[in-house]
Amino acid sequence: KRTLDSLGVVQIDAVNAVARSHLLVLRSRLGGTH
């Protein structure tokens, strides 16, 4: 919740070359597995 409060929006994108973009954005700030 704190991370979402610092971002406001997390873009959703269908490309899954590494992982869905929203999971990469969250991992950069939170850690953890996708």
ModelCIF file with pLDDT and N, C-alpha, C, O atoms, coordinates in Angstrom:
data_MODEL
#
_entry.id   MODEL 
#
_entity.id                         1 
_entity.type                       polymer 
_entity.pdbx_number_of_molecules   1 
#
_entity_poly.entity_id                      1 
_entity_poly.type                           'polypeptide(L)' 
_entity_poly.nstd_linkage                   no 
_entity_poly.nstd_monomer                   no 
_entity_poly.pdbx_seq_one_letter_code       KRTLDSLGVVQIDAVNAVARSHLLVLRSRLGGTH 
_entity_poly.pdbx_seq_one_letter_code_can   KRTLDSLGVVQIDAVNAVARSHLLVLRSRLGGTH 
_entity_poly.pdbx_strand_id                 A 
#
loop_
_entity_poly_seq.entity_id 
_entity_poly_seq.num 
_entity_poly_seq.mon_id 
_entity_poly_seq.hetero 
1 1  LYS n 
1 2  ARG n 
1 3  THR n 
1 4  LEU n 
1 5  ASP n 
1 6  SER n 
1 7  LEU n 
1 8  GLY n 
1 9  VAL n 
1 10 VAL n 
1 11 GLN n 
1 12 ILE n 
1 13 ASP n 
1 14 ALA n 
1 15 VAL n 
1 16 ASN n 
1 17 ALA n 
1 18 VAL n 
1 19 ALA n 
1 20 ARG n 
1 21 SER n 
1 22 HIS n 
1 23 LEU n 
1 24 LEU n 
1 25 VAL n 
1 26 LEU n 
1 27 ARG n 
1 28 SER n 
1 29 ARG n 
1 30 LEU n 
1 31 GLY n 
1 32 GLY n 
1 33 THR n 
1 34 HIS n 
#
_struct_asym.id          A 
_struct_asym.entity_id   1 
#
loop_
_ma_qa_metric.id 
_ma_qa_metric.mode 
_ma_qa_metric.name 
_ma_qa_metric.software_group_id 
_ma_qa_metric.type 
1 global pLDDT . pLDDT 
2 local  pLDDT . pLDDT 
#
_ma_qa_metric_global.metric_id      1 
_ma_qa_metric_global.metric_value   96.59 
_ma_qa_metric_global.model_id       1 
_ma_qa_metric_global.ordinal_id     1 
#
loop_
_ma_qa_metric_local.label_asym_id 
_ma_qa_metric_local.label_comp_id 
_ma_qa_metric_local.label_seq_id 
_ma_qa_metric_local.metric_id 
_ma_qa_metric_local.metric_value 
_ma_qa_metric_local.model_id 
_ma_qa_metric_local.ordinal_id 
A LYS 1  2 95.00 1 1  
A ARG 2  2 95.00 1 2  
A THR 3  2 96.00 1 3  
A LEU 4  2 96.00 1 4  
A ASP 5  2 95.00 1 5  
A SER 6  2 95.00 1 6  
A LEU 7  2 97.00 1 7  
A GLY 8  2 97.00 1 8  
A VAL 9  2 98.00 1 9  
A VAL 10 2 98.00 1 10 
A GLN 11 2 98.00 1 11 
A ILE 12 2 96.00 1 12 
A ASP 13 2 92.00 1 13 
A ALA 14 2 91.00 1 14 
A VAL 15 2 95.00 1 15 
A ASN 16 2 96.00 1 16 
A ALA 17 2 97.00 1 17 
A VAL 18 2 98.00 1 18 
A ALA 19 2 98.00 1 19 
A ARG 20 2 97.00 1 20 
A SER 21 2 97.00 1 21 
A HIS 22 2 97.00 1 22 
A LEU 23 2 98.00 1 23 
A LEU 24 2 98.00 1 24 
A VAL 25 2 98.00 1 25 
A LEU 26 2 98.00 1 26 
A ARG 27 2 98.00 1 27 
A SER 28 2 97.00 1 28 
A ARG 29 2 96.00 1 29 
A LEU 30 2 97.00 1 30 
A GLY 31 2 97.00 1 31 
A GLY 32 2 97.00 1 32 
A THR 33 2 98.00 1 33 
A HIS 34 2 98.00 1 34 
#
loop_
_atom_site.group_PDB 
_atom_site.id 
_atom_site.type_symbol 
_atom_site.label_atom_id 
_atom_site.label_alt_id 
_atom_site.label_comp_id 
_atom_site.label_asym_id 
_atom_site.label_entity_id 
_atom_site.label_seq_id 
_atom_site.pdbx_PDB_ins_code 
_atom_site.Cartn_x 
_atom_site.Cartn_y 
_atom_site.Cartn_z 
_atom_site.occupancy 
_atom_site.B_iso_or_equiv 
_atom_site.pdbx_formal_charge 
_atom_site.auth_seq_id 
_atom_site.auth_comp_id 
_atom_site.auth_asym_id 
_atom_site.auth_atom_id 
_atom_site.pdbx_PDB_model_num 
ATOM 1   N N  . LYS A 1 1  ? 0.830  -1.211  0.000   1.00 95.00 ? 1  LYS A N  1 
ATOM 2   C CA . LYS A 1 1  ? 0.000  0.000   0.000   1.00 95.00 ? 1  LYS A CA 1 
ATOM 3   C C  . LYS A 1 1  ? 0.861  1.257   0.000   1.00 95.00 ? 1  LYS A C  1 
ATOM 4   O O  . LYS A 1 1  ? 0.531  2.229   -0.679  1.00 95.00 ? 1  LYS A O  1 
ATOM 5   N N  . ARG A 1 2  ? 1.966  1.253   0.754   1.00 95.00 ? 2  ARG A N  1 
ATOM 6   C CA . ARG A 1 2  ? 2.860  2.415   0.782   1.00 95.00 ? 2  ARG A CA 1 
ATOM 7   C C  . ARG A 1 2  ? 3.470  2.658   -0.597  1.00 95.00 ? 2  ARG A C  1 
ATOM 8   O O  . ARG A 1 2  ? 3.622  3.800   -1.031  1.00 95.00 ? 2  ARG A O  1 
ATOM 9   N N  . THR A 1 3  ? 3.812  1.574   -1.271  1.00 96.00 ? 3  THR A N  1 
ATOM 10  C CA . THR A 1 3  ? 4.388  1.712   -2.609  1.00 96.00 ? 3  THR A CA 1 
ATOM 11  C C  . THR A 1 3  ? 3.371  2.298   -3.578  1.00 96.00 ? 3  THR A C  1 
ATOM 12  O O  . THR A 1 3  ? 3.697  3.200   -4.349  1.00 96.00 ? 3  THR A O  1 
ATOM 13  N N  . LEU A 1 4  ? 2.149  1.795   -3.543  1.00 96.00 ? 4  LEU A N  1 
ATOM 14  C CA . LEU A 1 4  ? 1.116  2.350   -4.429  1.00 96.00 ? 4  LEU A CA 1 
ATOM 15  C C  . LEU A 1 4  ? 0.840  3.808   -4.107  1.00 96.00 ? 4  LEU A C  1 
ATOM 16  O O  . LEU A 1 4  ? 0.516  4.596   -4.996  1.00 96.00 ? 4  LEU A O  1 
ATOM 17  N N  . ASP A 1 5  ? 0.970  4.170   -2.827  1.00 95.00 ? 5  ASP A N  1 
ATOM 18  C CA . ASP A 1 5  ? 0.757  5.563   -2.426  1.00 95.00 ? 5  ASP A CA 1 
ATOM 19  C C  . ASP A 1 5  ? 1.849  6.474   -2.980  1.00 95.00 ? 5  ASP A C  1 
ATOM 20  O O  . ASP A 1 5  ? 1.621  7.670   -3.165  1.00 95.00 ? 5  ASP A O  1 
ATOM 21  N N  . SER A 1 6  ? 3.024  5.926   -3.243  1.00 95.00 ? 6  SER A N  1 
ATOM 22  C CA . SER A 1 6  ? 4.113  6.730   -3.796  1.00 95.00 ? 6  SER A CA 1 
ATOM 23  C C  . SER A 1 6  ? 4.091  6.782   -5.325  1.00 95.00 ? 6  SER A C  1 
ATOM 24  O O  . SER A 1 6  ? 4.805  7.578   -5.935  1.00 95.00 ? 6  SER A O  1 
ATOM 25  N N  . LEU A 1 7  ? 3.274  5.935   -5.935  1.00 97.00 ? 7  LEU A N  1 
ATOM 26  C CA . LEU A 1 7  ? 3.206  5.862   -7.396  1.00 97.00 ? 7  LEU A CA 1 
ATOM 27  C C  . LEU A 1 7  ? 1.907  6.420   -7.964  1.00 97.00 ? 7  LEU A C  1 
ATOM 28  O O  . LEU A 1 7  ? 1.917  7.103   -8.988  1.00 97.00 ? 7  LEU A O  1 
ATOM 29  N N  . GLY A 1 8  ? 0.782  6.130   -7.296  1.00 97.00 ? 8  GLY A N  1 
ATOM 30  C CA . GLY A 1 8  ? -0.513 6.613   -7.770  1.00 97.00 ? 8  GLY A CA 1 
ATOM 31  C C  . GLY A 1 8  ? -1.090 5.809   -8.909  1.00 97.00 ? 8  GLY A C  1 
ATOM 32  O O  . GLY A 1 8  ? -2.269 5.457   -8.881  1.00 97.00 ? 8  GLY A O  1 
ATOM 33  N N  . VAL A 1 9  ? -0.289 5.511   -9.908  1.00 98.00 ? 9  VAL A N  1 
ATOM 34  C CA . VAL A 1 9  ? -0.715 4.656   -11.017 1.00 98.00 ? 9  VAL A CA 1 
ATOM 35  C C  . VAL A 1 9  ? 0.418  3.695   -11.360 1.00 98.00 ? 9  VAL A C  1 
ATOM 36  O O  . VAL A 1 9  ? 1.594  4.054   -11.301 1.00 98.00 ? 9  VAL A O  1 
ATOM 37  N N  . VAL A 1 10 ? 0.046  2.477   -11.716 1.00 98.00 ? 10 VAL A N  1 
ATOM 38  C CA . VAL A 1 10 ? 1.008  1.490   -12.215 1.00 98.00 ? 10 VAL A CA 1 
ATOM 39  C C  . VAL A 1 10 ? 0.491  1.011   -13.560 1.00 98.00 ? 10 VAL A C  1 
ATOM 40  O O  . VAL A 1 10 ? -0.583 0.414   -13.647 1.00 98.00 ? 10 VAL A O  1 
ATOM 41  N N  . GLN A 1 11 ? 1.263  1.276   -14.611 1.00 98.00 ? 11 GLN A N  1 
ATOM 42  C CA . GLN A 1 11 ? 0.807  0.947   -15.960 1.00 98.00 ? 11 GLN A CA 1 
ATOM 43  C C  . GLN A 1 11 ? 0.713  -0.560  -16.162 1.00 98.00 ? 11 GLN A C  1 
ATOM 44  O O  . GLN A 1 11 ? 1.578  -1.321  -15.729 1.00 98.00 ? 11 GLN A O  1 
ATOM 45  N N  . ILE A 1 12 ? -0.366 -0.972  -16.834 1.00 96.00 ? 12 ILE A N  1 
ATOM 46  C CA . ILE A 1 12 ? -0.575 -2.375  -17.190 1.00 96.00 ? 12 ILE A CA 1 
ATOM 47  C C  . ILE A 1 12 ? -0.151 -2.561  -18.647 1.00 96.00 ? 12 ILE A C  1 
ATOM 48  O O  . ILE A 1 12 ? -0.588 -1.822  -19.529 1.00 96.00 ? 12 ILE A O  1 
ATOM 49  N N  . ASP A 1 13 ? 0.690  -3.540  -18.885 1.00 92.00 ? 13 ASP A N  1 
ATOM 50  C CA . ASP A 1 13 ? 1.104  -3.813  -20.266 1.00 92.00 ? 13 ASP A CA 1 
ATOM 51  C C  . ASP A 1 13 ? 1.127  -5.315  -20.489 1.00 92.00 ? 13 ASP A C  1 
ATOM 52  O O  . ASP A 1 13 ? 1.510  -6.079  -19.604 1.00 92.00 ? 13 ASP A O  1 
ATOM 53  N N  . ALA A 1 14 ? 0.717  -5.728  -21.674 1.00 91.00 ? 14 ALA A N  1 
ATOM 54  C CA . ALA A 1 14 ? 0.554  -7.162  -21.962 1.00 91.00 ? 14 ALA A CA 1 
ATOM 55  C C  . ALA A 1 14 ? 1.867  -7.872  -22.254 1.00 91.00 ? 14 ALA A C  1 
ATOM 56  O O  . ALA A 1 14 ? 1.932  -9.097  -22.157 1.00 91.00 ? 14 ALA A O  1 
ATOM 57  N N  . VAL A 1 15 ? 2.925  -7.127  -22.613 1.00 95.00 ? 15 VAL A N  1 
ATOM 58  C CA . VAL A 1 15 ? 4.192  -7.764  -22.977 1.00 95.00 ? 15 VAL A CA 1 
ATOM 59  C C  . VAL A 1 15 ? 4.756  -8.524  -21.773 1.00 95.00 ? 15 VAL A C  1 
ATOM 60  O O  . VAL A 1 15 ? 4.823  -7.996  -20.663 1.00 95.00 ? 15 VAL A O  1 
ATOM 61  N N  . ASN A 1 16 ? 5.155  -9.757  -22.016 1.00 96.00 ? 16 ASN A N  1 
ATOM 62  C CA . ASN A 1 16 ? 5.591  -10.637 -20.929 1.00 96.00 ? 16 ASN A CA 1 
ATOM 63  C C  . ASN A 1 16 ? 6.973  -11.223 -21.219 1.00 96.00 ? 16 ASN A C  1 
ATOM 64  O O  . ASN A 1 16 ? 7.231  -12.389 -20.921 1.00 96.00 ? 16 ASN A O  1 
ATOM 65  N N  . ALA A 1 17 ? 7.858  -10.412 -21.802 1.00 97.00 ? 17 ALA A N  1 
ATOM 66  C CA . ALA A 1 17 ? 9.181  -10.900 -22.193 1.00 97.00 ? 17 ALA A CA 1 
ATOM 67  C C  . ALA A 1 17 ? 9.995  -11.329 -20.972 1.00 97.00 ? 17 ALA A C  1 
ATOM 68  O O  . ALA A 1 17 ? 10.685 -12.348 -21.005 1.00 97.00 ? 17 ALA A O  1 
ATOM 69  N N  . VAL A 1 18 ? 9.910  -10.546 -19.898 1.00 98.00 ? 18 VAL A N  1 
ATOM 70  C CA . VAL A 1 18 ? 10.570 -10.882 -18.630 1.00 98.00 ? 18 VAL A CA 1 
ATOM 71  C C  . VAL A 1 18 ? 9.502  -11.218 -17.592 1.00 98.00 ? 18 VAL A C  1 
ATOM 72  O O  . VAL A 1 18 ? 9.511  -12.297 -17.000 1.00 98.00 ? 18 VAL A O  1 
ATOM 73  N N  . ALA A 1 19 ? 8.597  -10.291 -17.387 1.00 98.00 ? 19 ALA A N  1 
ATOM 74  C CA . ALA A 1 19 ? 7.400  -10.453 -16.555 1.00 98.00 ? 19 ALA A CA 1 
ATOM 75  C C  . ALA A 1 19 ? 6.479  -9.309  -16.938 1.00 98.00 ? 19 ALA A C  1 
ATOM 76  O O  . ALA A 1 19 ? 6.908  -8.375  -17.616 1.00 98.00 ? 19 ALA A O  1 
ATOM 77  N N  . ARG A 1 20 ? 5.220  -9.364  -16.517 1.00 97.00 ? 20 ARG A N  1 
ATOM 78  C CA . ARG A 1 20 ? 4.345  -8.221  -16.775 1.00 97.00 ? 20 ARG A CA 1 
ATOM 79  C C  . ARG A 1 20 ? 4.955  -6.967  -16.148 1.00 97.00 ? 20 ARG A C  1 
ATOM 80  O O  . ARG A 1 20 ? 5.522  -7.013  -15.057 1.00 97.00 ? 20 ARG A O  1 
ATOM 81  N N  . SER A 1 21 ? 4.827  -5.858  -16.856 1.00 97.00 ? 21 SER A N  1 
ATOM 82  C CA . SER A 1 21 ? 5.484  -4.630  -16.423 1.00 97.00 ? 21 SER A CA 1 
ATOM 83  C C  . SER A 1 21 ? 5.125  -4.233  -14.994 1.00 97.00 ? 21 SER A C  1 
ATOM 84  O O  . SER A 1 21 ? 5.995  -3.805  -14.235 1.00 97.00 ? 21 SER A O  1 
ATOM 85  N N  . HIS A 1 22 ? 3.844  -4.371  -14.619 1.00 97.00 ? 22 HIS A N  1 
ATOM 86  C CA . HIS A 1 22 ? 3.450  -3.930  -13.282 1.00 97.00 ? 22 HIS A CA 1 
ATOM 87  C C  . HIS A 1 22 ? 4.188  -4.707  -12.193 1.00 97.00 ? 22 HIS A C  1 
ATOM 88  O O  . HIS A 1 22 ? 4.455  -4.171  -11.117 1.00 97.00 ? 22 HIS A O  1 
ATOM 89  N N  . LEU A 1 23 ? 4.518  -5.969  -12.471 1.00 98.00 ? 23 LEU A N  1 
ATOM 90  C CA . LEU A 1 23 ? 5.258  -6.758  -11.488 1.00 98.00 ? 23 LEU A CA 1 
ATOM 91  C C  . LEU A 1 23 ? 6.706  -6.297  -11.401 1.00 98.00 ? 23 LEU A C  1 
ATOM 92  O O  . LEU A 1 23 ? 7.287  -6.290  -10.315 1.00 98.00 ? 23 LEU A O  1 
ATOM 93  N N  . LEU A 1 24 ? 7.293  -5.915  -12.524 1.00 98.00 ? 24 LEU A N  1 
ATOM 94  C CA . LEU A 1 24 ? 8.659  -5.393  -12.520 1.00 98.00 ? 24 LEU A CA 1 
ATOM 95  C C  . LEU A 1 24 ? 8.740  -4.068  -11.763 1.00 98.00 ? 24 LEU A C  1 
ATOM 96  O O  . LEU A 1 24 ? 9.686  -3.825  -11.015 1.00 98.00 ? 24 LEU A O  1 
ATOM 97  N N  . VAL A 1 25 ? 7.737  -3.219  -11.967 1.00 98.00 ? 25 VAL A N  1 
ATOM 98  C CA . VAL A 1 25 ? 7.694  -1.933  -11.262 1.00 98.00 ? 25 VAL A CA 1 
ATOM 99  C C  . VAL A 1 25 ? 7.588  -2.152  -9.756  1.00 98.00 ? 25 VAL A C  1 
ATOM 100 O O  . VAL A 1 25 ? 8.284  -1.499  -8.978  1.00 98.00 ? 25 VAL A O  1 
ATOM 101 N N  . LEU A 1 26 ? 6.724  -3.064  -9.352  1.00 98.00 ? 26 LEU A N  1 
ATOM 102 C CA . LEU A 1 26 ? 6.551  -3.350  -7.925  1.00 98.00 ? 26 LEU A CA 1 
ATOM 103 C C  . LEU A 1 26 ? 7.804  -3.989  -7.330  1.00 98.00 ? 26 LEU A C  1 
ATOM 104 O O  . LEU A 1 26 ? 8.206  -3.639  -6.220  1.00 98.00 ? 26 LEU A O  1 
ATOM 105 N N  . ARG A 1 27 ? 8.421  -4.913  -8.048  1.00 98.00 ? 27 ARG A N  1 
ATOM 106 C CA . ARG A 1 27 ? 9.625  -5.564  -7.532  1.00 98.00 ? 27 ARG A CA 1 
ATOM 107 C C  . ARG A 1 27 ? 10.754 -4.569  -7.310  1.00 98.00 ? 27 ARG A C  1 
ATOM 108 O O  . ARG A 1 27 ? 11.516 -4.702  -6.352  1.00 98.00 ? 27 ARG A O  1 
ATOM 109 N N  . SER A 1 28 ? 10.871 -3.571  -8.187  1.00 97.00 ? 28 SER A N  1 
ATOM 110 C CA . SER A 1 28 ? 11.937 -2.570  -8.048  1.00 97.00 ? 28 SER A CA 1 
ATOM 111 C C  . SER A 1 28 ? 11.836 -1.811  -6.730  1.00 97.00 ? 28 SER A C  1 
ATOM 112 O O  . SER A 1 28 ? 12.833 -1.288  -6.232  1.00 97.00 ? 28 SER A O  1 
ATOM 113 N N  . ARG A 1 29 ? 10.632 -1.754  -6.169  1.00 96.00 ? 29 ARG A N  1 
ATOM 114 C CA . ARG A 1 29 ? 10.420 -0.981  -4.950  1.00 96.00 ? 29 ARG A CA 1 
ATOM 115 C C  . ARG A 1 29 ? 10.214 -1.857  -3.710  1.00 96.00 ? 29 ARG A C  1 
ATOM 116 O O  . ARG A 1 29 ? 10.469 -1.424  -2.586  1.00 96.00 ? 29 ARG A O  1 
ATOM 117 N N  . LEU A 1 30 ? 9.756  -3.072  -3.922  1.00 97.00 ? 30 LEU A N  1 
ATOM 118 C CA . LEU A 1 30 ? 9.381  -3.928  -2.793  1.00 97.00 ? 30 LEU A CA 1 
ATOM 119 C C  . LEU A 1 30 ? 10.270 -5.145  -2.606  1.00 97.00 ? 30 LEU A C  1 
ATOM 120 O O  . LEU A 1 30 ? 10.445 -5.623  -1.485  1.00 97.00 ? 30 LEU A O  1 
ATOM 121 N N  . GLY A 1 31 ? 10.840 -5.653  -3.711  1.00 97.00 ? 31 GLY A N  1 
ATOM 122 C CA . GLY A 1 31 ? 11.506 -6.941  -3.654  1.00 97.00 ? 31 GLY A CA 1 
ATOM 123 C C  . GLY A 1 31 ? 10.483 -8.059  -3.767  1.00 97.00 ? 31 GLY A C  1 
ATOM 124 O O  . GLY A 1 31 ? 9.321  -7.821  -4.097  1.00 97.00 ? 31 GLY A O  1 
ATOM 125 N N  . GLY A 1 32 ? 10.924 -9.279  -3.492  1.00 97.00 ? 32 GLY A N  1 
ATOM 126 C CA . GLY A 1 32 ? 10.016 -10.422 -3.554  1.00 97.00 ? 32 GLY A CA 1 
ATOM 127 C C  . GLY A 1 32 ? 9.927  -11.030 -4.939  1.00 97.00 ? 32 GLY A C  1 
ATOM 128 O O  . GLY A 1 32 ? 10.431 -10.466 -5.910  1.00 97.00 ? 32 GLY A O  1 
ATOM 129 N N  . THR A 1 33 ? 9.292  -12.169 -5.022  1.00 98.00 ? 33 THR A N  1 
ATOM 130 C CA . THR A 1 33 ? 9.105  -12.838 -6.313  1.00 98.00 ? 33 THR A CA 1 
ATOM 131 C C  . THR A 1 33 ? 7.893  -12.258 -7.032  1.00 98.00 ? 33 THR A C  1 
ATOM 132 O O  . THR A 1 33 ? 7.006  -11.676 -6.408  1.00 98.00 ? 33 THR A O  1 
ATOM 133 N N  . HIS A 1 34 ? 7.867  -12.423 -8.332  1.00 98.00 ? 34 HIS A N  1 
ATOM 134 C CA . HIS A 1 34 ? 6.713  -11.955 -9.102  1.00 98.00 ? 34 HIS A CA 1 
ATOM 135 C C  . HIS A 1 34 ? 5.456  -12.717 -8.708  1.00 98.00 ? 34 HIS A C  1 
ATOM 136 O O  . HIS A 1 34 ? 4.382  -12.459 -9.252  1.00 98.00 ? 34 HIS A O  1 
#
